[in-house]
Amino acid sequence: MAKEEIEKKNFFQKVWICITGFEKYPELAAQRGTKTLIYIAILMAIFSLVVTVLNTFQISKSLEEAVTYFEKEIPNLTLEEGILTVEQENPIIIENENSIIPLLIIDTSADVTDEQIEEYRDKMQNAENALLFLQKEVSIKTAATNGIIEYSYQTVMEQYGIEKLDKQSMINYVSGNNRNMILAGMGTMTFIYSFIIYMASVLMDALLLGIVAYFTALVLRLRLKFSAMCNMAVYSLTLPILLNLLYIICNVLTGFEMKYFEIMYIGIAYIYIVAAILIIKSDVMKKRQELAQIIEEQARVKQEMDRQKEEEERKKEEQKREEEKHRKKEEEKKKEQEKKDKPVGEEPQGENG
């Protein structure tokens, strides 16, 4: 399959080629950089969209439980001008592994230190789902994103035209039709955040794999362009990315976890690259053999042509000698004939006569 034929394939056909077509990687390596970037951008957009749907589903369940919990456990609070105020001096930290939100932290004191906030976030990293309410922002951690997303109260209030919220109005706000608007807004922000983070991560992985692939090719005595190695690295990440997406879905829905998944993620991509490099090496060796055969055949043909030329020159030389010999014989015959034709005993003329 030529480079131009692969460029004509649609996105999903390219995905199938990247997963099943080891032998097509030399052509994929020759693709233009813009085509490769567009391919990985579409793939990561789909990846981020699925993650966003999972995350929004988790947030929706979290909101339902949060409403019930707020009604029963949380003291009176007020959100005004982007500042959250809770009628309780000490921070609230609630941990319940059986809850959909295993960790809930509320600390709206103005003098909370950066070190304390980092401690809260470190604590959130150990929980599957967690919420952290600070004075000016809320941080959300879910299994789908596998990271902490921060939302500024001021930004959310300006986006949805909110001027002031208290405990009851907050519960009412997230319980009615506004709930869908909140989920849509959070979903949009999650999609943008996920796409940027995952895209940057994949490009970094592709760069590192490209470097490893370049030196692997050198070890195999192949000098290939670094840009071609980076192209192959991007396409080789197709299957690992899809497996990662499947893993995230299983993890969110069932809680299934796999140790050393990151190692497997990179390992699969590297296997694809090594297989592609070996195919390229095999093609190069085959072309070298074909070239050697062509050169050998050309030498044989040249030798045959030289022999034929020498044979023709020898024949011409012999023909020339034969012609010269024939010419001399003809001249001798002519002279003999002239002697025979000359009259014998012709009368002398002049004084002798």
Foldseek 3Di string as FASTA:
>chain_A
DALVVLLPDDLVVLLVCLVPPLLCLVSLLPDDPVSLLVNLLVVLLVLLLLLLVLVLVLVLLVLVVVLVCLVPPAAKWKAAQQFIGGPDQDKDWAADLPDSARIEIEEADPPDDPVNVVVVQVVCLVHQWHWYHYGFWIWIHHLSLSHIDIDGSNVVCVVVVNGMDMSVRVSVCCPDPNVVVVSVVVSVVSSVVSSVVVSVVLLVLLLVQLVVLCVVLVVVVHHDDSSSSSSLLSSLLSVLSVVVSVVSVCCSVPVDDDPPSVVVSSVSSNVSSVSSSVSVVVVVVVVVVVVVVVVVVVVVVVVVVVVVVVVVVVVVVVVVVVVVVVVVVVVVVVVVVVVVVDDPPDDDDDPVD
